[in-house]
Structure formats: structure tokens, C-alpha cells
Amino acid sequence: MIATMSSEVSIRTQAIEAAIASLDSNFFRALCEPARVAVLKRVMQLGRADVTAIAADLPQERSVVSRHLQVLLDARIVRATKVGRQMFYEVDGPAIIARLEGILKHTQGIAAHCCPATSL
């Protein structure tokens, strides 16, 4: 009985640690700033574009948009390609999907151990 409880605690602990590891703070920090989300939406609308095109319809100055793009790049939400002296940005869909799927997988794993479903 004690071995079974110890095993359950170990499985729960592993599930919790995996869930915590999947919660990349840079990813969430990048998405919690409304101005940065507006930049991301603009990149989504334009597809592959440089900072001048992205900043054109936004209220922030180009340098501010550039800093927001760097945060999105560091969080692997967008990717950048340098062509000559210009940097082009686009949404990194596969990276975002992989990150969200990982979060979902680990959250489902921990929910089974800590948050059993209840009927209303």
C-alpha cells in the first residue's frame, strides 16, 4: 500500500514537473503586452514583411515595433530572415503549435492527478 502511494506521488510529481517545464515564461510574457499582440496581428495579416511595413499602420514608432518584434523572435513566436540589409519577419506557426500542444499535453497529464472532473 505504501509502495503504491509512493508510486502515485512520484507519477504526480513527474507530471507536475513536466507541466511546469512546458510553461515557457518568455512565450507568455511576449503575448501579455497588448501592443506586442497588435504587432503580432499585423505580422499575421501581412505574412512575410519587414519592420517598415509592419509598423506602417501601427501607432508606435518603428523602433518600438522593432523591439516588440525582437521579443516575439526571442519567444519563438515569429522567425526572421535577413535578405541583404533587411530583416523580414513572419509568424512561426509550427513552433507556436508545438509549444501549445506541449502545454496542452502536460496540462492534461497533471489534471488527471490533481483536478478530477466533477459533475455539476
PDB file of N, CA and C in Angstrom:
ATOM      1  N   MET A   1       0.824  -1.190   0.000  1.00  0.00           N
ATOM      2  CA  MET A   1       0.000   0.000   0.000  1.00  0.00           C
ATOM      3  C   MET A   1       0.870   1.256   0.000  1.00  0.00           C
ATOM      4  N   ILE A   2       1.889   1.280   0.854  1.00  0.00           N
ATOM      5  CA  ILE A   2       2.786   2.431   0.919  1.00  0.00           C
ATOM      6  C   ILE A   2       3.551   2.574  -0.387  1.00  0.00           C
ATOM      7  N   ALA A   3       3.973   1.454  -0.966  1.00  0.00           N
ATOM      8  CA  ALA A   3       4.687   1.500  -2.248  1.00  0.00           C
ATOM      9  C   ALA A   3       3.797   2.059  -3.339  1.00  0.00           C
ATOM     10  N   THR A   4       2.511   1.695  -3.324  1.00  0.00           N
ATOM     11  CA  THR A   4       1.567   2.204  -4.324  1.00  0.00           C
ATOM     12  C   THR A   4       1.385   3.704  -4.163  1.00  0.00           C
ATOM     13  N   MET A   5       1.224   4.169  -2.921  1.00  0.00           N
ATOM     14  CA  MET A   5       1.067   5.605  -2.682  1.00  0.00           C
ATOM     15  C   MET A   5       2.318   6.357  -3.095  1.00  0.00           C
ATOM     16  N   SER A   6       3.473   5.789  -2.786  1.00  0.00           N
ATOM     17  CA  SER A   6       4.738   6.412  -3.164  1.00  0.00           C
ATOM     18  C   SER A   6       4.868   6.498  -4.679  1.00  0.00           C
ATOM     19  N   SER A   7       4.442   5.456  -5.358  1.00  0.00           N
ATOM     20  CA  SER A   7       4.480   5.437  -6.823  1.00  0.00           C
ATOM     21  C   SER A   7       3.542   6.490  -7.405  1.00  0.00           C
ATOM     22  N   GLU A   8       2.346   6.626  -6.814  1.00  0.00           N
ATOM     23  CA  GLU A   8       1.382   7.627  -7.281  1.00  0.00           C
ATOM     24  C   GLU A   8       1.925   9.039  -7.070  1.00  0.00           C
ATOM     25  N   VAL A   9       2.562   9.266  -5.933  1.00  0.00           N
ATOM     26  CA  VAL A   9       3.161  10.572  -5.647  1.00  0.00           C
ATOM     27  C   VAL A   9       4.264  10.860  -6.651  1.00  0.00           C
ATOM     28  N   SER A  10       5.072   9.860  -6.959  1.00  0.00           N
ATOM     29  CA  SER A  10       6.154  10.033  -7.926  1.00  0.00           C
ATOM     30  C   SER A  10       5.612  10.361  -9.315  1.00  0.00           C
ATOM     31  N   ILE A  11       4.568   9.657  -9.742  1.00  0.00           N
ATOM     32  CA  ILE A  11       3.954   9.924 -11.051  1.00  0.00           C
ATOM     33  C   ILE A  11       3.374  11.329 -11.072  1.00  0.00           C
ATOM     34  N   ARG A  12       2.696  11.705  -9.975  1.00  0.00           N
ATOM     35  CA  ARG A  12       2.113  13.050  -9.887  1.00  0.00           C
ATOM     36  C   ARG A  12       3.212  14.105  -9.931  1.00  0.00           C
ATOM     37  N   THR A  13       4.285  13.879  -9.193  1.00  0.00           N
ATOM     38  CA  THR A  13       5.408  14.820  -9.171  1.00  0.00           C
ATOM     39  C   THR A  13       6.020  14.968 -10.557  1.00  0.00           C
ATOM     40  N   GLN A  14       6.192  13.866 -11.253  1.00  0.00           N
ATOM     41  CA  GLN A  14       6.740  13.916 -12.614  1.00  0.00           C
ATOM     42  C   GLN A  14       5.810  14.686 -13.545  1.00  0.00           C
ATOM     43  N   ALA A  15       4.499  14.461 -13.409  1.00  0.00           N
ATOM     44  CA  ALA A  15       3.528  15.168 -14.249  1.00  0.00           C
ATOM     45  C   ALA A  15       3.570  16.667 -13.970  1.00  0.00           C
ATOM     46  N   ILE A  16       3.665  17.025 -12.700  1.00  0.00           N
ATOM     47  CA  ILE A  16       3.735  18.440 -12.325  1.00  0.00           C
ATOM     48  C   ILE A  16       5.005  19.078 -12.875  1.00  0.00           C
ATOM     49  N   GLU A  17       6.133  18.407 -12.725  1.00  0.00           N
ATOM     50  CA  GLU A  17       7.401  18.953 -13.223  1.00  0.00           C
ATOM     51  C   GLU A  17       7.382  19.116 -14.738  1.00  0.00           C
ATOM     52  N   ALA A  18       6.791  18.164 -15.450  1.00  0.00           N
ATOM     53  CA  ALA A  18       6.691  18.272 -16.908  1.00  0.00           C
ATOM     54  C   ALA A  18       5.786  19.436 -17.298  1.00  0.00           C
ATOM     55  N   ALA A  19       4.684  19.618 -16.574  1.00  0.00           N
ATOM     56  CA  ALA A  19       3.770  20.729 -16.868  1.00  0.00           C
ATOM     57  C   ALA A  19       4.452  22.068 -16.617  1.00  0.00           C
ATOM     58  N   ILE A  20       5.165  22.172 -15.514  1.00  0.00           N
ATOM     59  CA  ILE A  20       5.873  23.415 -15.195  1.00  0.00           C
ATOM     60  C   ILE A  20       6.929  23.713 -16.251  1.00  0.00           C
ATOM     61  N   ALA A  21       7.651  22.692 -16.677  1.00  0.00           N
ATOM     62  CA  ALA A  21       8.689  22.887 -17.698  1.00  0.00           C
ATOM     63  C   ALA A  21       8.100  23.357 -19.020  1.00  0.00           C
ATOM     64  N   SER A  22       6.853  22.964 -19.307  1.00  0.00           N
ATOM     65  CA  SER A  22       6.238  23.366 -20.578  1.00  0.00           C
ATOM     66  C   SER A  22       5.765  24.818 -20.559  1.00  0.00           C
ATOM     67  N   LEU A  23       5.680  25.411 -19.390  1.00  0.00           N
ATOM     68  CA  LEU A  23       5.212  26.794 -19.267  1.00  0.00           C
ATOM     69  C   LEU A  23       6.382  27.751 -19.445  1.00  0.00           C
ATOM     70  N   ASP A  24       6.695  28.049 -20.674  1.00  0.00           N
ATOM     71  CA  ASP A  24       7.806  28.931 -21.023  1.00  0.00           C
ATOM     72  C   ASP A  24       7.396  30.375 -20.744  1.00  0.00           C
ATOM     73  N   SER A  25       8.017  30.991 -19.744  1.00  0.00           N
ATOM     74  CA  SER A  25       7.620  32.344 -19.354  1.00  0.00           C
ATOM     75  C   SER A  25       7.860  33.361 -20.464  1.00  0.00           C
ATOM     76  N   ASN A  26       8.883  33.177 -21.294  1.00  0.00           N
ATOM     77  CA  ASN A  26       9.114  34.109 -22.405  1.00  0.00           C
ATOM     78  C   ASN A  26       7.947  34.101 -23.384  1.00  0.00           C
ATOM     79  N   PHE A  27       7.399  32.935 -23.644  1.00  0.00           N
ATOM     80  CA  PHE A  27       6.260  32.796 -24.556  1.00  0.00           C
ATOM     81  C   PHE A  27       5.062  33.585 -24.026  1.00  0.00           C
ATOM     82  N   PHE A  28       4.723  33.373 -22.759  1.00  0.00           N
ATOM     83  CA  PHE A  28       3.567  34.056 -22.179  1.00  0.00           C
ATOM     84  C   PHE A  28       3.826  35.543 -21.989  1.00  0.00           C
ATOM     85  N   ARG A  29       5.042  35.906 -21.602  1.00  0.00           N
ATOM     86  CA  ARG A  29       5.383  37.326 -21.434  1.00  0.00           C
ATOM     87  C   ARG A  29       5.242  38.063 -22.759  1.00  0.00           C
ATOM     88  N   ALA A  30       5.654  37.405 -23.831  1.00  0.00           N
ATOM     89  CA  ALA A  30       5.574  38.029 -25.155  1.00  0.00           C
ATOM     90  C   ALA A  30       4.132  38.288 -25.560  1.00  0.00           C
ATOM     91  N   LEU A  31       3.221  37.448 -25.104  1.00  0.00           N
ATOM     92  CA  LEU A  31       1.822  37.572 -25.512  1.00  0.00           C
ATOM     93  C   LEU A  31       0.965  38.376 -24.538  1.00  0.00           C
ATOM     94  N   CYS A  32       1.526  38.829 -23.429  1.00  0.00           N
ATOM     95  CA  CYS A  32       0.707  39.539 -22.441  1.00  0.00           C
ATOM     96  C   CYS A  32       0.699  41.055 -22.645  1.00  0.00           C
ATOM     97  N   GLU A  33       1.475  41.563 -23.553  1.00  0.00           N
ATOM     98  CA  GLU A  33       1.547  43.002 -23.829  1.00  0.00           C
ATOM     99  C   GLU A  33       0.633  43.326 -25.012  1.00  0.00           C
ATOM    100  N   PRO A  34      -0.417  44.130 -24.812  1.00  0.00           N
ATOM    101  CA  PRO A  34      -1.359  44.430 -25.899  1.00  0.00           C
ATOM    102  C   PRO A  34      -0.704  45.024 -27.150  1.00  0.00           C
ATOM    103  N   ALA A  35       0.264  45.898 -26.974  1.00  0.00           N
ATOM    104  CA  ALA A  35       0.929  46.488 -28.149  1.00  0.00           C
ATOM    105  C   ALA A  35       1.685  45.420 -28.931  1.00  0.00           C
ATOM    106  N   ARG A  36       2.267  44.468 -28.215  1.00  0.00           N
ATOM    107  CA  ARG A  36       3.009  43.390 -28.879  1.00  0.00           C
ATOM    108  C   ARG A  36       2.051  42.455 -29.613  1.00  0.00           C
ATOM    109  N   VAL A  37       0.903  42.216 -29.022  1.00  0.00           N
ATOM    110  CA  VAL A  37      -0.113  41.393 -29.687  1.00  0.00           C
ATOM    111  C   VAL A  37      -0.586  42.096 -30.956  1.00  0.00           C
ATOM    112  N   ALA A  38      -0.691  43.422 -30.921  1.00  0.00           N
ATOM    113  CA  ALA A  38      -1.060  44.177 -32.123  1.00  0.00           C
ATOM    114  C   ALA A  38       0.005  44.017 -33.205  1.00  0.00           C
ATOM    115  N   VAL A  39       1.265  44.006 -32.810  1.00  0.00           N
ATOM    116  CA  VAL A  39       2.358  43.777 -33.769  1.00  0.00           C
ATOM    117  C   VAL A  39       2.231  42.377 -34.355  1.00  0.00           C
ATOM    118  N   LEU A  40       1.976  41.390 -33.506  1.00  0.00           N
ATOM    119  CA  LEU A  40       1.812  40.012 -33.977  1.00  0.00           C
ATOM    120  C   LEU A  40       0.638  39.897 -34.948  1.00  0.00           C
ATOM    121  N   LYS A  41      -0.468  40.546 -34.629  1.00  0.00           N
ATOM    122  CA  LYS A  41      -1.628  40.529 -35.534  1.00  0.00           C
ATOM    123  C   LYS A  41      -1.264  41.124 -36.884  1.00  0.00           C
ATOM    124  N   ARG A  42      -0.490  42.189 -36.863  1.00  0.00           N
ATOM    125  CA  ARG A  42      -0.072  42.835 -38.114  1.00  0.00           C
ATOM    126  C   ARG A  42       0.806  41.895 -38.937  1.00  0.00           C
ATOM    127  N   VAL A  43       1.705  41.181 -38.281  1.00  0.00           N
ATOM    128  CA  VAL A  43       2.545  40.206 -38.984  1.00  0.00           C
ATOM    129  C   VAL A  43       1.662  39.110 -39.575  1.00  0.00           C
ATOM    130  N   MET A  44       0.656  38.683 -38.833  1.00  0.00           N
ATOM    131  CA  MET A  44      -0.271  37.669 -39.345  1.00  0.00           C
ATOM    132  C   MET A  44      -0.994  38.168 -40.595  1.00  0.00           C
ATOM    133  N   GLN A  45      -1.418  39.420 -40.563  1.00  0.00           N
ATOM    134  CA  GLN A  45      -2.135  39.996 -41.705  1.00  0.00           C
ATOM    135  C   GLN A  45      -1.247  40.128 -42.932  1.00  0.00           C
ATOM    136  N   LEU A  46      -0.013  40.552 -42.717  1.00  0.00           N
ATOM    137  CA  LEU A  46       0.885  40.830 -43.837  1.00  0.00           C
ATOM    138  C   LEU A  46       1.593  39.592 -44.366  1.00  0.00           C
ATOM    139  N   GLY A  47       1.780  38.603 -43.512  1.00  0.00           N
ATOM    140  CA  GLY A  47       2.648  37.497 -43.899  1.00  0.00           C
ATOM    141  C   GLY A  47       4.085  37.960 -43.734  1.00  0.00           C
ATOM    142  N   ARG A  48       4.952  37.528 -44.598  1.00  0.00           N
ATOM    143  CA  ARG A  48       6.373  37.894 -44.509  1.00  0.00           C
ATOM    144  C   ARG A  48       6.528  39.381 -44.826  1.00  0.00           C
ATOM    145  N   ALA A  49       7.087  40.146 -43.875  1.00  0.00           N
ATOM    146  CA  ALA A  49       7.210  41.595 -44.065  1.00  0.00           C
ATOM    147  C   ALA A  49       8.371  42.141 -43.249  1.00  0.00           C
ATOM    148  N   ASP A  50       8.860  43.303 -43.664  1.00  0.00           N
ATOM    149  CA  ASP A  50       9.925  43.963 -42.908  1.00  0.00           C
ATOM    150  C   ASP A  50       9.309  44.903 -41.874  1.00  0.00           C
ATOM    151  N   VAL A  51      10.144  45.435 -40.995  1.00  0.00           N
ATOM    152  CA  VAL A  51       9.657  46.251 -39.892  1.00  0.00           C
ATOM    153  C   VAL A  51       8.952  47.513 -40.385  1.00  0.00           C
ATOM    154  N   THR A  52       9.385  48.071 -41.502  1.00  0.00           N
ATOM    155  CA  THR A  52       8.735  49.275 -42.038  1.00  0.00           C
ATOM    156  C   THR A  52       7.292  48.979 -42.415  1.00  0.00           C
ATOM    157  N   ALA A  53       7.060  47.880 -43.098  1.00  0.00           N
ATOM    158  CA  ALA A  53       5.698  47.505 -43.493  1.00  0.00           C
ATOM    159  C   ALA A  53       4.851  47.170 -42.269  1.00  0.00           C
ATOM    160  N   ILE A  54       5.443  46.484 -41.313  1.00  0.00           N
ATOM    161  CA  ILE A  54       4.706  46.094 -40.105  1.00  0.00           C
ATOM    162  C   ILE A  54       4.320  47.330 -39.302  1.00  0.00           C
ATOM    163  N   ALA A  55       5.228  48.281 -39.179  1.00  0.00           N
ATOM    164  CA  ALA A  55       4.989  49.481 -38.375  1.00  0.00           C
ATOM    165  C   ALA A  55       4.087  50.499 -39.067  1.00  0.00           C
ATOM    166  N   ALA A  56       3.889  50.364 -40.364  1.00  0.00           N
ATOM    167  CA  ALA A  56       3.177  51.387 -41.144  1.00  0.00           C
ATOM    168  C   ALA A  56       1.806  51.742 -40.580  1.00  0.00           C
ATOM    169  N   ASP A  57       1.023  50.774 -40.156  1.00  0.00           N
ATOM    170  CA  ASP A  57      -0.336  51.045 -39.674  1.00  0.00           C
ATOM    171  C   ASP A  57      -0.469  50.944 -38.159  1.00  0.00           C
ATOM    172  N   LEU A  58       0.644  50.931 -37.471  1.00  0.00           N
ATOM    173  CA  LEU A  58       0.613  50.849 -36.013  1.00  0.00           C
ATOM    174  C   LEU A  58       0.946  52.213 -35.411  1.00  0.00           C
ATOM    175  N   PRO A  59       0.415  52.525 -34.224  1.00  0.00           N
ATOM    176  CA  PRO A  59       0.665  53.838 -33.626  1.00  0.00           C
ATOM    177  C   PRO A  59       2.078  54.012 -33.068  1.00  0.00           C
ATOM    178  N   GLN A  60       2.801  52.921 -32.850  1.00  0.00           N
ATOM    179  CA  GLN A  60       4.145  53.017 -32.289  1.00  0.00           C
ATOM    180  C   GLN A  60       5.154  53.381 -33.375  1.00  0.00           C
ATOM    181  N   GLU A  61       6.244  53.972 -32.927  1.00  0.00           N
ATOM    182  CA  GLU A  61       7.327  54.270 -33.855  1.00  0.00           C
ATOM    183  C   GLU A  61       8.001  52.973 -34.280  1.00  0.00           C
ATOM    184  N   ARG A  62       8.682  53.049 -35.393  1.00  0.00           N
ATOM    185  CA  ARG A  62       9.330  51.867 -35.960  1.00  0.00           C
ATOM    186  C   ARG A  62      10.302  51.210 -34.981  1.00  0.00           C
ATOM    187  N   SER A  63      11.037  52.011 -34.218  1.00  0.00           N
ATOM    188  CA  SER A  63      12.000  51.448 -33.262  1.00  0.00           C
ATOM    189  C   SER A  63      11.295  50.647 -32.163  1.00  0.00           C
ATOM    190  N   VAL A  64      10.132  51.114 -31.745  1.00  0.00           N
ATOM    191  CA  VAL A  64       9.357  50.398 -30.724  1.00  0.00           C
ATOM    192  C   VAL A  64       8.827  49.089 -31.302  1.00  0.00           C
ATOM    193  N   VAL A  65       8.319  49.140 -32.524  1.00  0.00           N
ATOM    194  CA  VAL A  65       7.838  47.930 -33.196  1.00  0.00           C
ATOM    195  C   VAL A  65       8.986  46.934 -33.347  1.00  0.00           C
ATOM    196  N   SER A  66      10.151  47.430 -33.672  1.00  0.00           N
ATOM    197  CA  SER A  66      11.328  46.578 -33.816  1.00  0.00           C
ATOM    198  C   SER A  66      11.661  45.865 -32.507  1.00  0.00           C
ATOM    199  N   ARG A  67      11.555  46.579 -31.394  1.00  0.00           N
ATOM    200  CA  ARG A  67      11.809  45.949 -30.086  1.00  0.00           C
ATOM    201  C   ARG A  67      10.753  44.886 -29.778  1.00  0.00           C
ATOM    202  N   HIS A  68       9.502  45.175 -30.113  1.00  0.00           N
ATOM    203  CA  HIS A  68       8.444  44.178 -29.916  1.00  0.00           C
ATOM    204  C   HIS A  68       8.707  42.940 -30.775  1.00  0.00           C
ATOM    205  N   LEU A  69       9.143  43.146 -31.992  1.00  0.00           N
ATOM    206  CA  LEU A  69       9.467  42.015 -32.866  1.00  0.00           C
ATOM    207  C   LEU A  69      10.605  41.182 -32.287  1.00  0.00           C
ATOM    208  N   GLN A  70      11.568  41.831 -31.657  1.00  0.00           N
ATOM    209  CA  GLN A  70      12.681  41.098 -31.047  1.00  0.00           C
ATOM    210  C   GLN A  70      12.191  40.210 -29.911  1.00  0.00           C
ATOM    211  N   VAL A  71      11.264  40.723 -29.108  1.00  0.00           N
ATOM    212  CA  VAL A  71      10.703  39.917 -28.017  1.00  0.00           C
ATOM    213  C   VAL A  71       9.945  38.719 -28.592  1.00  0.00           C
ATOM    214  N   LEU A  72       9.159  38.957 -29.649  1.00  0.00           N
ATOM    215  CA  LEU A  72       8.429  37.860 -30.303  1.00  0.00           C
ATOM    216  C   LEU A  72       9.394  36.849 -30.920  1.00  0.00           C
ATOM    217  N   LEU A  73      10.490  37.336 -31.446  1.00  0.00           N
ATOM    218  CA  LEU A  73      11.515  36.462 -32.026  1.00  0.00           C
ATOM    219  C   LEU A  73      12.188  35.627 -30.930  1.00  0.00           C
ATOM    220  N   ASP A  74      12.544  36.262 -29.825  1.00  0.00           N
ATOM    221  CA  ASP A  74      13.171  35.552 -28.705  1.00  0.00           C
ATOM    222  C   ASP A  74      12.245  34.476 -28.132  1.00  0.00           C
ATOM    223  N   ALA A  75      10.942  34.728 -28.191  1.00  0.00           N
ATOM    224  CA  ALA A  75       9.956  33.772 -27.677  1.00  0.00           C
ATOM    225  C   ALA A  75       9.588  32.712 -28.715  1.00  0.00           C
ATOM    226  N   ARG A  76      10.194  32.779 -29.878  1.00  0.00           N
ATOM    227  CA  ARG A  76       9.941  31.848 -30.987  1.00  0.00           C
ATOM    228  C   ARG A  76       8.484  31.868 -31.444  1.00  0.00           C
ATOM    229  N   ILE A  77       7.919  33.071 -31.475  1.00  0.00           N
ATOM    230  CA  ILE A  77       6.570  33.270 -31.984  1.00  0.00           C
ATOM    231  C   ILE A  77       6.646  33.725 -33.432  1.00  0.00           C
ATOM    232  N   VAL A  78       7.672  34.500 -33.742  1.00  0.00           N
ATOM    233  CA  VAL A  78       7.957  34.865 -35.136  1.00  0.00           C
ATOM    234  C   VAL A  78       9.360  34.377 -35.464  1.00  0.00           C
ATOM    235  N   ARG A  79       9.636  34.283 -36.746  1.00  0.00           N
ATOM    236  CA  ARG A  79      11.001  33.972 -37.195  1.00  0.00           C
ATOM    237  C   ARG A  79      11.422  35.086 -38.133  1.00  0.00           C
ATOM    238  N   ALA A  80      12.712  35.250 -38.270  1.00  0.00           N
ATOM    239  CA  ALA A  80      13.248  36.335 -39.088  1.00  0.00           C
ATOM    240  C   ALA A  80      14.218  35.776 -40.115  1.00  0.00           C
ATOM    241  N   THR A  81      14.199  36.412 -41.276  1.00  0.00           N
ATOM    242  CA  THR A  81      15.112  36.059 -42.353  1.00  0.00           C
ATOM    243  C   THR A  81      15.763  37.342 -42.833  1.00  0.00           C
ATOM    244  N   LYS A  82      17.079  37.336 -42.904  1.00  0.00           N
ATOM    245  CA  LYS A  82      17.794  38.518 -43.374  1.00  0.00           C
ATOM    246  C   LYS A  82      18.034  38.385 -44.873  1.00  0.00           C
ATOM    247  N   VAL A  83      17.635  39.417 -45.600  1.00  0.00           N
ATOM    248  CA  VAL A  83      17.868  39.496 -47.043  1.00  0.00           C
ATOM    249  C   VAL A  83      18.599  40.809 -47.286  1.00  0.00           C
ATOM    250  N   GLY A  84      19.862  40.703 -47.612  1.00  0.00           N
ATOM    251  CA  GLY A  84      20.665  41.918 -47.750  1.00  0.00           C
ATOM    252  C   GLY A  84      20.761  42.600 -46.406  1.00  0.00           C
ATOM    253  N   ARG A  85      20.318  43.847 -46.352  1.00  0.00           N
ATOM    254  CA  ARG A  85      20.346  44.601 -45.094  1.00  0.00           C
ATOM    255  C   ARG A  85      19.002  44.590 -44.385  1.00  0.00           C
ATOM    256  N   GLN A  86      18.002  44.002 -45.015  1.00  0.00           N
ATOM    257  CA  GLN A  86      16.662  43.988 -44.432  1.00  0.00           C
ATOM    258  C   GLN A  86      16.379  42.687 -43.697  1.00  0.00           C
ATOM    259  N   MET A  87      15.585  42.810 -42.636  1.00  0.00           N
ATOM    260  CA  MET A  87      15.132  41.657 -41.875  1.00  0.00           C
ATOM    261  C   MET A  87      13.633  41.507 -42.134  1.00  0.00           C
ATOM    262  N   PHE A  88      13.232  40.314 -42.527  1.00  0.00           N
ATOM    263  CA  PHE A  88      11.827  40.021 -42.778  1.00  0.00           C
ATOM    264  C   PHE A  88      11.311  39.097 -41.686  1.00  0.00           C
ATOM    265  N   TYR A  89      10.108  39.391 -41.213  1.00  0.00           N
ATOM    266  CA  TYR A  89       9.510  38.639 -40.113  1.00  0.00           C
ATOM    267  C   TYR A  89       8.261  37.927 -40.609  1.00  0.00           C
ATOM    268  N   GLU A  90       8.008  36.749 -40.024  1.00  0.00           N
ATOM    269  CA  GLU A  90       6.774  36.018 -40.291  1.00  0.00           C
ATOM    270  C   GLU A  90       6.452  35.180 -39.062  1.00  0.00           C
ATOM    271  N   VAL A  91       5.189  34.828 -38.931  1.00  0.00           N
ATOM    272  CA  VAL A  91       4.760  34.005 -37.804  1.00  0.00           C
ATOM    273  C   VAL A  91       5.392  32.627 -37.932  1.00  0.00           C
ATOM    274  N   ASP A  92       5.892  32.109 -36.825  1.00  0.00           N
ATOM    275  CA  ASP A  92       6.472  30.761 -36.802  1.00  0.00           C
ATOM    276  C   ASP A  92       5.396  29.787 -36.330  1.00  0.00           C
ATOM    277  N   GLY A  93       4.448  29.507 -37.230  1.00  0.00           N
ATOM    278  CA  GLY A  93       3.305  28.655 -36.908  1.00  0.00           C
ATOM    279  C   GLY A  93       3.670  27.308 -36.321  1.00  0.00           C
ATOM    280  N   PRO A  94       4.572  26.556 -36.960  1.00  0.00           N
ATOM    281  CA  PRO A  94       4.914  25.244 -36.404  1.00  0.00           C
ATOM    282  C   PRO A  94       5.467  25.317 -34.972  1.00  0.00           C
ATOM    283  N   ALA A  95       6.263  26.325 -34.671  1.00  0.00           N
ATOM    284  CA  ALA A  95       6.818  26.462 -33.317  1.00  0.00           C
ATOM    285  C   ALA A  95       5.718  26.793 -32.313  1.00  0.00           C
ATOM    286  N   ILE A  96       4.792  27.659 -32.702  1.00  0.00           N
ATOM    287  CA  ILE A  96       3.682  28.017 -31.810  1.00  0.00           C
ATOM    288  C   ILE A  96       2.805  26.799 -31.551  1.00  0.00           C
ATOM    289  N   ILE A  97       2.465  26.076 -32.604  1.00  0.00           N
ATOM    290  CA  ILE A  97       1.617  24.888 -32.456  1.00  0.00           C
ATOM    291  C   ILE A  97       2.294  23.853 -31.566  1.00  0.00           C
ATOM    292  N   ALA A  98       3.573  23.607 -31.792  1.00  0.00           N
ATOM    293  CA  ALA A  98       4.297  22.630 -30.973  1.00  0.00           C
ATOM    294  C   ALA A  98       4.296  23.045 -29.505  1.00  0.00           C
ATOM    295  N   ARG A  99       4.512  24.333 -29.247  1.00  0.00           N
ATOM    296  CA  ARG A  99       4.531  24.812 -27.861  1.00  0.00           C
ATOM    297  C   ARG A  99       3.160  24.647 -27.214  1.00  0.00           C
ATOM    298  N   LEU A 100       2.096  25.039 -27.926  1.00  0.00           N
ATOM    299  CA  LEU A 100       0.750  24.926 -27.360  1.00  0.00           C
ATOM    300  C   LEU A 100       0.334  23.468 -27.170  1.00  0.00           C
ATOM    301  N   GLU A 101       0.709  22.604 -28.106  1.00  0.00           N
ATOM    302  CA  GLU A 101       0.407  21.175 -27.951  1.00  0.00           C
ATOM    303  C   GLU A 101       1.131  20.595 -26.742  1.00  0.00           C
ATOM    304  N   GLY A 102       2.374  21.017 -26.516  1.00  0.00           N
ATOM    305  CA  GLY A 102       3.119  20.558 -25.346  1.00  0.00           C
ATOM    306  C   GLY A 102       2.470  21.008 -24.053  1.00  0.00           C
ATOM    307  N   ILE A 103       2.037  22.254 -24.019  1.00  0.00           N
ATOM    308  CA  ILE A 103       1.357  22.777 -22.831  1.00  0.00           C
ATOM    309  C   ILE A 103       0.074  21.994 -22.587  1.00  0.00           C
ATOM    310  N   LEU A 104      -0.705  21.764 -23.644  1.00  0.00           N
ATOM    311  CA  LEU A 104      -1.959  21.017 -23.519  1.00  0.00           C
ATOM    312  C   LEU A 104      -1.705  19.595 -23.019  1.00  0.00           C
ATOM    313  N   LYS A 105      -0.736  18.931 -23.604  1.00  0.00           N
ATOM    314  CA  LYS A 105      -0.408  17.549 -23.222  1.00  0.00           C
ATOM    315  C   LYS A 105      -0.042  17.464 -21.742  1.00  0.00           C
ATOM    316  N   HIS A 106       0.826  18.360 -21.299  1.00  0.00           N
ATOM    317  CA  HIS A 106       1.270  18.311 -19.909  1.00  0.00           C
ATOM    318  C   HIS A 106       0.170  18.754 -18.951  1.00  0.00           C
ATOM    319  N   THR A 107      -0.662  19.680 -19.375  1.00  0.00           N
ATOM    320  CA  THR A 107      -1.776  20.116 -18.533  1.00  0.00           C
ATOM    321  C   THR A 107      -2.785  18.987 -18.373  1.00  0.00           C
ATOM    322  N   GLN A 108      -3.059  18.265 -19.449  1.00  0.00           N
ATOM    323  CA  GLN A 108      -3.959  17.113 -19.355  1.00  0.00           C
ATOM    324  C   GLN A 108      -3.377  16.050 -18.431  1.00  0.00           C
ATOM    325  N   GLY A 109      -2.063  15.853 -18.496  1.00  0.00           N
ATOM    326  CA  GLY A 109      -1.413  14.872 -17.636  1.00  0.00           C
ATOM    327  C   GLY A 109      -1.517  15.216 -16.168  1.00  0.00           C
ATOM    328  N   ILE A 110      -1.355  16.482 -15.855  1.00  0.00           N
ATOM    329  CA  ILE A 110      -1.426  16.887 -14.450  1.00  0.00           C
ATOM    330  C   ILE A 110      -2.874  16.962 -13.972  1.00  0.00           C
ATOM    331  N   ALA A 111      -3.797  17.326 -14.850  1.00  0.00           N
ATOM    332  CA  ALA A 111      -5.206  17.430 -14.469  1.00  0.00           C
ATOM    333  C   ALA A 111      -5.744  16.090 -13.984  1.00  0.00           C
ATOM    334  N   ALA A 112      -5.275  15.017 -14.583  1.00  0.00           N
ATOM    335  CA  ALA A 112      -5.720  13.686 -14.168  1.00  0.00           C
ATOM    336  C   ALA A 112      -5.304  13.383 -12.730  1.00  0.00           C
ATOM    337  N   HIS A 113      -4.232  14.023 -12.249  1.00  0.00           N
ATOM    338  CA  HIS A 113      -3.730  13.748 -10.902  1.00  0.00           C
ATOM    339  C   HIS A 113      -4.198  14.760  -9.864  1.00  0.00           C
ATOM    340  N   CYS A 114      -4.452  15.974 -10.277  1.00  0.00           N
ATOM    341  CA  CYS A 114      -4.757  16.995  -9.268  1.00  0.00           C
ATOM    342  C   CYS A 114      -6.156  17.583  -9.372  1.00  0.00           C
ATOM    343  N   CYS A 115      -6.784  17.439 -10.511  1.00  0.00           N
ATOM    344  CA  CYS A 115      -8.045  18.144 -10.732  1.00  0.00           C
ATOM    345  C   CYS A 115      -9.080  17.208 -11.348  1.00  0.00           C
ATOM    346  N   PRO A 116      -9.536  16.199 -10.622  1.00  0.00           N
ATOM    347  CA  PRO A 116     -10.503  15.281 -11.219  1.00  0.00           C
ATOM    348  C   PRO A 116     -11.779  16.019 -11.605  1.00  0.00           C
ATOM    349  N   ALA A 117     -12.371  15.580 -12.697  1.00  0.00           N
ATOM    350  CA  ALA A 117     -13.607  16.199 -13.185  1.00  0.00           C
ATOM    351  C   ALA A 117     -14.717  15.980 -12.168  1.00  0.00           C
ATOM    352  N   THR A 118     -15.538  16.999 -12.004  1.00  0.00           N
ATOM    353  CA  THR A 118     -16.691  16.879 -11.113  1.00  0.00           C
ATOM    354  C   THR A 118     -17.940  17.162 -11.909  1.00  0.00           C
ATOM    355  N   SER A 119     -18.999  16.518 -11.544  1.00  0.00           N
ATOM    356  CA  SER A 119     -20.263  16.781 -12.239  1.00  0.00           C
ATOM    357  C   SER A 119     -21.013  17.865 -11.488  1.00  0.00           C
ATOM    358  N   LEU A 120     -21.731  18.673 -12.236  1.00  0.00           N
ATOM    359  CA  LEU A 120     -22.474  19.778 -11.617  1.00  0.00           C
ATOM    360  C   LEU A 120     -23.882  19.389 -11.324  1.00  0.00           C
TER     361      LEU A 120
END
